[in-house]
Amino acid sequence: MEIKSLYKNSMIEIGYAKLPPRYTQTSHSLSDTIFLFCESGHGIVTINFDRYPIRRGSFISVFSDAYFEVNTLSDNARFRAIRLDDNLFGEVSFRLSAYFWDLWTDSPVLYLSIEQAALLQAWFINAEWMLSCADSDLKNFMLHN
């Protein structure tokens, strides 16, 4: 998976993901957690050997220990991507509740409403601003939160 970065540092990268058909990531092939947001198109992916339909508004979590495969994608499929280094992800995720982990384990693909998708788009704008404008200490503090 190639991410065309808009903003990047050693711990986080935000941009657009290029997912070629038949792309496969095996468990532990990366030391990153990747979140994908489908802005357009549709397809089918496999995560940990379960197949999921993908459509506009789908939010996909691909943890570093997950098996991830792109089965099919439409020609107009476009994904926003967030890549988090596992160290950063570990630092921020230890505070999360068991309910959060149950949700992600049971539902690695979330199908967002129009309102939820708009909020996620706003989050991307805020995160891009943090990566581009803030000084180093403040940037890391904001990203951790």
N, C-alpha and C. Protein backbone atom coordinates (compact mmCIF):
# COMPACT_ATOMS: atom_id res chain seq x y z
N MET A 1 0.85 -1.16 0.00
CA MET A 1 0.00 0.00 0.00
C MET A 1 0.90 1.23 0.00
N GLU A 2 0.66 2.08 -0.92
CA GLU A 2 1.41 3.33 -1.01
C GLU A 2 0.52 4.46 -0.52
N ILE A 3 1.08 5.30 0.35
CA ILE A 3 0.34 6.47 0.82
C ILE A 3 1.00 7.70 0.23
N LYS A 4 0.23 8.45 -0.53
CA LYS A 4 0.70 9.72 -1.06
C LYS A 4 0.49 10.74 0.05
N SER A 5 1.57 11.07 0.73
CA SER A 5 1.49 11.88 1.94
C SER A 5 1.21 13.33 1.64
N LEU A 6 0.27 13.86 2.37
CA LEU A 6 0.08 15.30 2.41
C LEU A 6 0.89 15.86 3.57
N TYR A 7 0.90 15.12 4.67
CA TYR A 7 1.63 15.52 5.86
C TYR A 7 2.22 14.28 6.50
N LYS A 8 3.46 14.39 6.97
CA LYS A 8 4.14 13.22 7.49
C LYS A 8 5.18 13.63 8.52
N ASN A 9 5.30 12.83 9.56
CA ASN A 9 6.46 12.88 10.42
C ASN A 9 6.77 11.43 10.80
N SER A 10 7.68 11.21 11.71
CA SER A 10 8.10 9.84 11.99
C SER A 10 7.01 8.99 12.64
N MET A 11 6.03 9.62 13.26
CA MET A 11 5.01 8.87 13.98
C MET A 11 3.65 8.81 13.29
N ILE A 12 3.37 9.74 12.40
CA ILE A 12 2.04 9.79 11.78
C ILE A 12 2.18 10.28 10.34
N GLU A 13 1.33 9.76 9.52
CA GLU A 13 1.29 10.16 8.11
C GLU A 13 -0.17 10.25 7.70
N ILE A 14 -0.52 11.33 7.01
CA ILE A 14 -1.89 11.52 6.54
C ILE A 14 -1.83 11.81 5.06
N GLY A 15 -2.64 11.14 4.29
CA GLY A 15 -2.64 11.36 2.86
C GLY A 15 -3.70 10.52 2.18
N TYR A 16 -3.41 10.14 0.95
CA TYR A 16 -4.30 9.30 0.17
C TYR A 16 -3.62 7.97 -0.09
N ALA A 17 -4.34 6.88 0.10
CA ALA A 17 -3.77 5.55 -0.07
C ALA A 17 -4.08 5.03 -1.46
N LYS A 18 -3.06 4.43 -2.06
CA LYS A 18 -3.26 3.74 -3.32
C LYS A 18 -3.33 2.25 -2.99
N LEU A 19 -4.49 1.69 -3.20
CA LEU A 19 -4.72 0.27 -2.91
C LEU A 19 -4.90 -0.48 -4.23
N PRO A 20 -3.87 -1.13 -4.70
CA PRO A 20 -4.03 -1.88 -5.94
C PRO A 20 -4.90 -3.11 -5.72
N PRO A 21 -5.67 -3.52 -6.72
CA PRO A 21 -6.44 -4.76 -6.59
C PRO A 21 -5.49 -5.91 -6.26
N ARG A 22 -5.93 -6.76 -5.42
CA ARG A 22 -5.17 -7.92 -4.96
C ARG A 22 -4.01 -7.57 -4.05
N TYR A 23 -4.04 -6.38 -3.46
CA TYR A 23 -3.02 -6.00 -2.48
C TYR A 23 -3.20 -6.88 -1.25
N THR A 24 -2.11 -7.35 -0.66
CA THR A 24 -2.17 -8.16 0.53
C THR A 24 -1.14 -7.68 1.54
N GLN A 25 -1.55 -7.54 2.78
CA GLN A 25 -0.65 -7.26 3.89
C GLN A 25 -0.84 -8.38 4.89
N THR A 26 0.22 -9.12 5.17
CA THR A 26 0.12 -10.20 6.15
C THR A 26 0.41 -9.65 7.53
N SER A 27 0.04 -10.41 8.53
CA SER A 27 0.26 -9.99 9.91
C SER A 27 1.73 -9.67 10.14
N HIS A 28 1.98 -8.59 10.85
CA HIS A 28 3.32 -8.15 11.23
C HIS A 28 4.19 -7.77 10.03
N SER A 29 3.59 -7.50 8.89
CA SER A 29 4.39 -7.06 7.75
C SER A 29 4.75 -5.59 7.86
N LEU A 30 4.05 -4.88 8.71
CA LEU A 30 4.33 -3.47 8.96
C LEU A 30 4.34 -3.24 10.46
N SER A 31 4.97 -2.19 10.89
CA SER A 31 4.89 -1.83 12.32
C SER A 31 3.99 -0.60 12.46
N ASP A 32 2.95 -0.56 11.66
CA ASP A 32 2.05 0.58 11.62
C ASP A 32 0.61 0.11 11.74
N THR A 33 -0.21 0.99 12.31
CA THR A 33 -1.65 0.84 12.26
C THR A 33 -2.14 1.83 11.21
N ILE A 34 -3.01 1.37 10.34
CA ILE A 34 -3.49 2.21 9.25
C ILE A 34 -5.01 2.27 9.32
N PHE A 35 -5.53 3.49 9.22
CA PHE A 35 -6.97 3.70 9.13
C PHE A 35 -7.25 4.24 7.74
N LEU A 36 -8.24 3.68 7.08
CA LEU A 36 -8.62 4.08 5.73
C LEU A 36 -10.06 4.57 5.73
N PHE A 37 -10.29 5.67 5.05
CA PHE A 37 -11.63 6.21 4.91
C PHE A 37 -11.95 6.27 3.43
N CYS A 38 -12.99 5.56 3.01
CA CYS A 38 -13.38 5.50 1.60
C CYS A 38 -14.18 6.75 1.24
N GLU A 39 -13.59 7.59 0.39
CA GLU A 39 -14.27 8.82 -0.05
C GLU A 39 -15.14 8.58 -1.27
N SER A 40 -14.79 7.58 -2.06
CA SER A 40 -15.60 7.26 -3.24
C SER A 40 -15.30 5.83 -3.67
N GLY A 41 -16.21 5.29 -4.44
CA GLY A 41 -16.04 3.94 -4.98
C GLY A 41 -16.60 2.87 -4.07
N HIS A 42 -16.26 1.63 -4.42
CA HIS A 42 -16.73 0.48 -3.66
C HIS A 42 -15.81 -0.70 -3.94
N GLY A 43 -15.97 -1.75 -3.16
CA GLY A 43 -15.17 -2.95 -3.35
C GLY A 43 -15.39 -3.93 -2.22
N ILE A 44 -14.47 -4.87 -2.14
CA ILE A 44 -14.50 -5.90 -1.09
C ILE A 44 -13.08 -6.07 -0.56
N VAL A 45 -12.95 -6.11 0.77
CA VAL A 45 -11.66 -6.37 1.41
C VAL A 45 -11.83 -7.54 2.36
N THR A 46 -10.70 -8.17 2.65
CA THR A 46 -10.66 -9.23 3.66
C THR A 46 -9.78 -8.75 4.80
N ILE A 47 -10.32 -8.83 6.02
CA ILE A 47 -9.56 -8.49 7.22
C ILE A 47 -9.66 -9.68 8.15
N ASN A 48 -8.49 -10.24 8.48
CA ASN A 48 -8.44 -11.43 9.34
C ASN A 48 -9.39 -12.52 8.84
N PHE A 49 -9.41 -12.70 7.54
CA PHE A 49 -10.11 -13.78 6.85
C PHE A 49 -11.62 -13.64 6.81
N ASP A 50 -12.13 -12.47 7.20
CA ASP A 50 -13.55 -12.15 7.02
C ASP A 50 -13.64 -11.10 5.91
N ARG A 51 -14.62 -11.27 5.03
CA ARG A 51 -14.79 -10.34 3.91
C ARG A 51 -15.79 -9.24 4.28
N TYR A 52 -15.47 -8.01 3.80
CA TYR A 52 -16.30 -6.85 4.10
C TYR A 52 -16.53 -6.05 2.83
N PRO A 53 -17.78 -5.67 2.58
CA PRO A 53 -18.01 -4.74 1.47
C PRO A 53 -17.54 -3.34 1.87
N ILE A 54 -17.01 -2.62 0.92
CA ILE A 54 -16.52 -1.26 1.13
C ILE A 54 -17.31 -0.34 0.21
N ARG A 55 -17.70 0.80 0.73
CA ARG A 55 -18.41 1.79 -0.08
C ARG A 55 -18.06 3.17 0.47
N ARG A 56 -18.53 4.19 -0.21
CA ARG A 56 -18.29 5.55 0.26
C ARG A 56 -18.75 5.67 1.71
N GLY A 57 -17.88 6.22 2.55
CA GLY A 57 -18.20 6.37 3.97
C GLY A 57 -17.72 5.23 4.85
N SER A 58 -17.08 4.23 4.28
CA SER A 58 -16.55 3.13 5.09
C SER A 58 -15.26 3.58 5.77
N PHE A 59 -15.10 3.21 7.03
CA PHE A 59 -13.89 3.52 7.79
C PHE A 59 -13.28 2.19 8.21
N ILE A 60 -12.06 1.93 7.77
CA ILE A 60 -11.43 0.62 7.90
C ILE A 60 -10.22 0.74 8.83
N SER A 61 -10.14 -0.15 9.80
CA SER A 61 -8.96 -0.20 10.67
C SER A 61 -8.13 -1.42 10.30
N VAL A 62 -6.84 -1.18 10.08
CA VAL A 62 -5.91 -2.25 9.75
C VAL A 62 -4.77 -2.17 10.77
N PHE A 63 -4.86 -3.00 11.79
CA PHE A 63 -3.82 -3.02 12.81
C PHE A 63 -2.62 -3.82 12.31
N SER A 64 -1.45 -3.58 12.87
CA SER A 64 -0.24 -4.20 12.36
C SER A 64 -0.26 -5.72 12.48
N ASP A 65 -1.07 -6.25 13.37
CA ASP A 65 -1.13 -7.70 13.52
C ASP A 65 -2.27 -8.32 12.72
N ALA A 66 -2.86 -7.56 11.82
CA ALA A 66 -4.01 -8.04 11.05
C ALA A 66 -3.60 -8.51 9.65
N TYR A 67 -4.35 -9.46 9.15
CA TYR A 67 -4.24 -9.85 7.75
C TYR A 67 -5.20 -8.94 6.98
N PHE A 68 -4.72 -8.32 5.91
CA PHE A 68 -5.55 -7.40 5.13
C PHE A 68 -5.32 -7.66 3.65
N GLU A 69 -6.41 -7.84 2.92
CA GLU A 69 -6.33 -8.09 1.49
C GLU A 69 -7.40 -7.29 0.76
N VAL A 70 -7.03 -6.68 -0.34
CA VAL A 70 -7.99 -6.03 -1.22
C VAL A 70 -8.43 -7.06 -2.24
N ASN A 71 -9.72 -7.40 -2.23
CA ASN A 71 -10.23 -8.38 -3.17
C ASN A 71 -10.63 -7.72 -4.48
N THR A 72 -11.47 -6.70 -4.41
CA THR A 72 -11.88 -5.95 -5.60
C THR A 72 -12.08 -4.50 -5.22
N LEU A 73 -11.85 -3.62 -6.18
CA LEU A 73 -12.12 -2.20 -6.00
C LEU A 73 -12.63 -1.63 -7.32
N SER A 74 -13.55 -0.71 -7.23
CA SER A 74 -14.00 -0.02 -8.43
C SER A 74 -12.90 0.94 -8.89
N ASP A 75 -12.96 1.34 -10.15
CA ASP A 75 -11.94 2.24 -10.71
C ASP A 75 -11.92 3.59 -10.02
N ASN A 76 -13.05 4.02 -9.47
CA ASN A 76 -13.11 5.34 -8.84
C ASN A 76 -12.89 5.30 -7.32
N ALA A 77 -12.41 4.17 -6.81
CA ALA A 77 -12.19 4.06 -5.36
C ALA A 77 -11.07 5.01 -4.93
N ARG A 78 -11.33 5.76 -3.87
CA ARG A 78 -10.37 6.73 -3.35
C ARG A 78 -10.42 6.66 -1.82
N PHE A 79 -9.25 6.58 -1.20
CA PHE A 79 -9.15 6.41 0.24
C PHE A 79 -8.26 7.47 0.87
N ARG A 80 -8.75 8.10 1.93
CA ARG A 80 -7.89 8.91 2.81
C ARG A 80 -7.24 7.91 3.76
N ALA A 81 -6.02 8.20 4.16
CA ALA A 81 -5.28 7.26 5.01
C ALA A 81 -4.61 7.98 6.17
N ILE A 82 -4.58 7.29 7.28
CA ILE A 82 -3.84 7.72 8.45
C ILE A 82 -2.95 6.55 8.83
N ARG A 83 -1.65 6.77 8.83
CA ARG A 83 -0.71 5.74 9.27
C ARG A 83 -0.13 6.19 10.60
N LEU A 84 -0.27 5.33 11.61
CA LEU A 84 0.28 5.62 12.94
C LEU A 84 1.35 4.60 13.27
N ASP A 85 2.51 5.07 13.67
CA ASP A 85 3.55 4.19 14.15
C ASP A 85 3.00 3.42 15.36
N ASP A 86 3.33 2.15 15.47
CA ASP A 86 2.80 1.35 16.58
C ASP A 86 3.18 1.90 17.95
N ASN A 87 4.33 2.55 18.06
CA ASN A 87 4.70 3.15 19.35
C ASN A 87 3.73 4.26 19.72
N LEU A 88 3.41 5.13 18.77
CA LEU A 88 2.44 6.19 19.02
C LEU A 88 1.07 5.60 19.31
N PHE A 89 0.66 4.63 18.52
CA PHE A 89 -0.65 4.03 18.72
C PHE A 89 -0.73 3.37 20.10
N GLY A 90 0.34 2.71 20.52
CA GLY A 90 0.36 2.09 21.83
C GLY A 90 0.25 3.11 22.96
N GLU A 91 0.95 4.24 22.80
CA GLU A 91 0.91 5.29 23.81
C GLU A 91 -0.49 5.87 24.00
N VAL A 92 -1.19 6.07 22.90
CA VAL A 92 -2.50 6.72 23.01
C VAL A 92 -3.63 5.72 23.24
N SER A 93 -3.44 4.48 22.86
CA SER A 93 -4.56 3.54 22.95
C SER A 93 -4.67 2.83 24.29
N PHE A 94 -3.61 2.86 25.12
CA PHE A 94 -3.71 2.15 26.40
C PHE A 94 -4.77 2.75 27.30
N ARG A 95 -5.15 4.01 27.05
CA ARG A 95 -6.16 4.67 27.88
C ARG A 95 -7.59 4.34 27.45
N LEU A 96 -7.73 3.66 26.34
CA LEU A 96 -9.06 3.40 25.79
C LEU A 96 -9.74 2.24 26.51
N SER A 97 -11.05 2.27 26.52
CA SER A 97 -11.83 1.28 27.26
C SER A 97 -11.90 -0.06 26.53
N ALA A 98 -12.30 -1.06 27.28
CA ALA A 98 -12.51 -2.39 26.71
C ALA A 98 -13.61 -2.34 25.65
N TYR A 99 -14.60 -1.48 25.84
CA TYR A 99 -15.68 -1.33 24.86
C TYR A 99 -15.11 -0.91 23.50
N PHE A 100 -14.16 0.02 23.51
CA PHE A 100 -13.51 0.47 22.28
C PHE A 100 -12.87 -0.72 21.56
N TRP A 101 -12.10 -1.52 22.30
CA TRP A 101 -11.42 -2.66 21.68
C TRP A 101 -12.40 -3.71 21.20
N ASP A 102 -13.46 -3.94 21.94
CA ASP A 102 -14.48 -4.88 21.49
C ASP A 102 -15.10 -4.41 20.17
N LEU A 103 -15.37 -3.11 20.09
CA LEU A 103 -15.95 -2.54 18.87
C LEU A 103 -15.02 -2.77 17.68
N TRP A 104 -13.74 -2.44 17.83
CA TRP A 104 -12.79 -2.59 16.71
C TRP A 104 -12.55 -4.05 16.36
N THR A 105 -12.54 -4.93 17.36
CA THR A 105 -12.32 -6.35 17.09
C THR A 105 -13.51 -6.93 16.33
N ASP A 106 -14.71 -6.56 16.76
CA ASP A 106 -15.92 -7.09 16.13
C ASP A 106 -16.25 -6.41 14.81
N SER A 107 -15.80 -5.17 14.63
CA SER A 107 -16.19 -4.39 13.45
C SER A 107 -15.00 -3.61 12.89
N PRO A 108 -14.09 -4.29 12.18
CA PRO A 108 -12.95 -3.56 11.62
C PRO A 108 -13.33 -2.61 10.49
N VAL A 109 -14.55 -2.74 9.98
CA VAL A 109 -15.07 -1.81 8.98
C VAL A 109 -16.33 -1.19 9.56
N LEU A 110 -16.32 0.14 9.68
CA LEU A 110 -17.49 0.88 10.15
C LEU A 110 -18.11 1.59 8.96
N TYR A 111 -19.42 1.61 8.92
CA TYR A 111 -20.14 2.27 7.83
C TYR A 111 -20.75 3.55 8.41
N LEU A 112 -20.11 4.67 8.09
CA LEU A 112 -20.47 5.95 8.70
C LEU A 112 -21.68 6.59 8.02
N SER A 113 -22.46 7.29 8.81
CA SER A 113 -23.56 8.09 8.26
C SER A 113 -22.96 9.31 7.57
N ILE A 114 -23.79 10.05 6.86
CA ILE A 114 -23.32 11.27 6.19
C ILE A 114 -22.77 12.25 7.22
N GLU A 115 -23.45 12.38 8.35
CA GLU A 115 -23.00 13.30 9.39
C GLU A 115 -21.67 12.84 10.00
N GLN A 116 -21.53 11.54 10.25
CA GLN A 116 -20.28 11.02 10.80
C GLN A 116 -19.13 11.19 9.82
N ALA A 117 -19.40 10.96 8.53
CA ALA A 117 -18.37 11.14 7.51
C ALA A 117 -17.91 12.59 7.43
N ALA A 118 -18.84 13.52 7.57
CA ALA A 118 -18.48 14.95 7.57
C ALA A 118 -17.60 15.29 8.77
N LEU A 119 -17.90 14.71 9.94
CA LEU A 119 -17.06 14.94 11.11
C LEU A 119 -15.66 14.37 10.92
N LEU A 120 -15.59 13.20 10.29
CA LEU A 120 -14.27 12.61 10.03
C LEU A 120 -13.48 13.46 9.04
N GLN A 121 -14.14 13.99 8.03
CA GLN A 121 -13.46 14.89 7.09
C GLN A 121 -12.92 16.11 7.82
N ALA A 122 -13.68 16.65 8.77
CA ALA A 122 -13.21 17.79 9.56
C ALA A 122 -12.02 17.39 10.42
N TRP A 123 -12.03 16.16 10.94
CA TRP A 123 -10.89 15.69 11.72
C TRP A 123 -9.63 15.66 10.86
N PHE A 124 -9.75 15.18 9.62
CA PHE A 124 -8.60 15.17 8.71
C PHE A 124 -8.04 16.58 8.53
N ILE A 125 -8.91 17.53 8.35
CA ILE A 125 -8.46 18.92 8.17
C ILE A 125 -7.72 19.40 9.41
N ASN A 126 -8.26 19.09 10.60
CA ASN A 126 -7.59 19.49 11.84
C ASN A 126 -6.24 18.80 12.01
N ALA A 127 -6.19 17.51 11.73
CA ALA A 127 -4.93 16.77 11.87
C ALA A 127 -3.88 17.28 10.89
N GLU A 128 -4.30 17.59 9.67
CA GLU A 128 -3.36 18.14 8.69
C GLU A 128 -2.83 19.49 9.14
N TRP A 129 -3.70 20.30 9.74
CA TRP A 129 -3.25 21.58 10.27
C TRP A 129 -2.21 21.37 11.37
N MET A 130 -2.49 20.44 12.28
CA MET A 130 -1.55 20.16 13.36
C MET A 130 -0.17 19.77 12.81
N LEU A 131 -0.16 18.92 11.80
CA LEU A 131 1.11 18.46 11.25
C LEU A 131 1.84 19.55 10.47
N SER A 132 1.11 20.50 9.93
CA SER A 132 1.76 21.50 9.09
C SER A 132 2.14 22.78 9.82
N CYS A 133 1.42 23.13 10.87
CA CYS A 133 1.58 24.46 11.47
C CYS A 133 2.22 24.48 12.85
N ALA A 134 1.99 23.50 13.63
CA ALA A 134 2.40 23.57 15.03
C ALA A 134 3.88 23.28 15.22
N ASP A 135 4.47 23.89 16.27
CA ASP A 135 5.86 23.57 16.58
C ASP A 135 5.95 22.15 17.11
N SER A 136 7.14 21.62 17.18
CA SER A 136 7.36 20.20 17.45
C SER A 136 6.75 19.72 18.77
N ASP A 137 7.01 20.42 19.87
CA ASP A 137 6.48 19.97 21.16
C ASP A 137 4.96 20.04 21.20
N LEU A 138 4.41 21.12 20.74
CA LEU A 138 2.96 21.28 20.72
C LEU A 138 2.32 20.29 19.75
N LYS A 139 2.95 20.08 18.61
CA LYS A 139 2.42 19.15 17.61
C LYS A 139 2.29 17.75 18.22
N ASN A 140 3.35 17.27 18.87
CA ASN A 140 3.31 15.93 19.46
C ASN A 140 2.25 15.82 20.55
N PHE A 141 2.11 16.86 21.35
CA PHE A 141 1.07 16.87 22.39
C PHE A 141 -0.31 16.77 21.75
N MET A 142 -0.56 17.58 20.72
CA MET A 142 -1.88 17.57 20.06
C MET A 142 -2.14 16.23 19.39
N LEU A 143 -1.14 15.65 18.75
CA LEU A 143 -1.32 14.37 18.07
C LEU A 143 -1.62 13.25 19.06
N HIS A 144 -1.00 13.28 20.22
CA HIS A 144 -1.27 12.25 21.22
C HIS A 144 -2.69 12.33 21.75
N ASN A 145 -3.25 13.54 21.74
CA ASN A 145 -4.60 13.71 22.22
C ASN A 145 -5.61 13.48 21.12
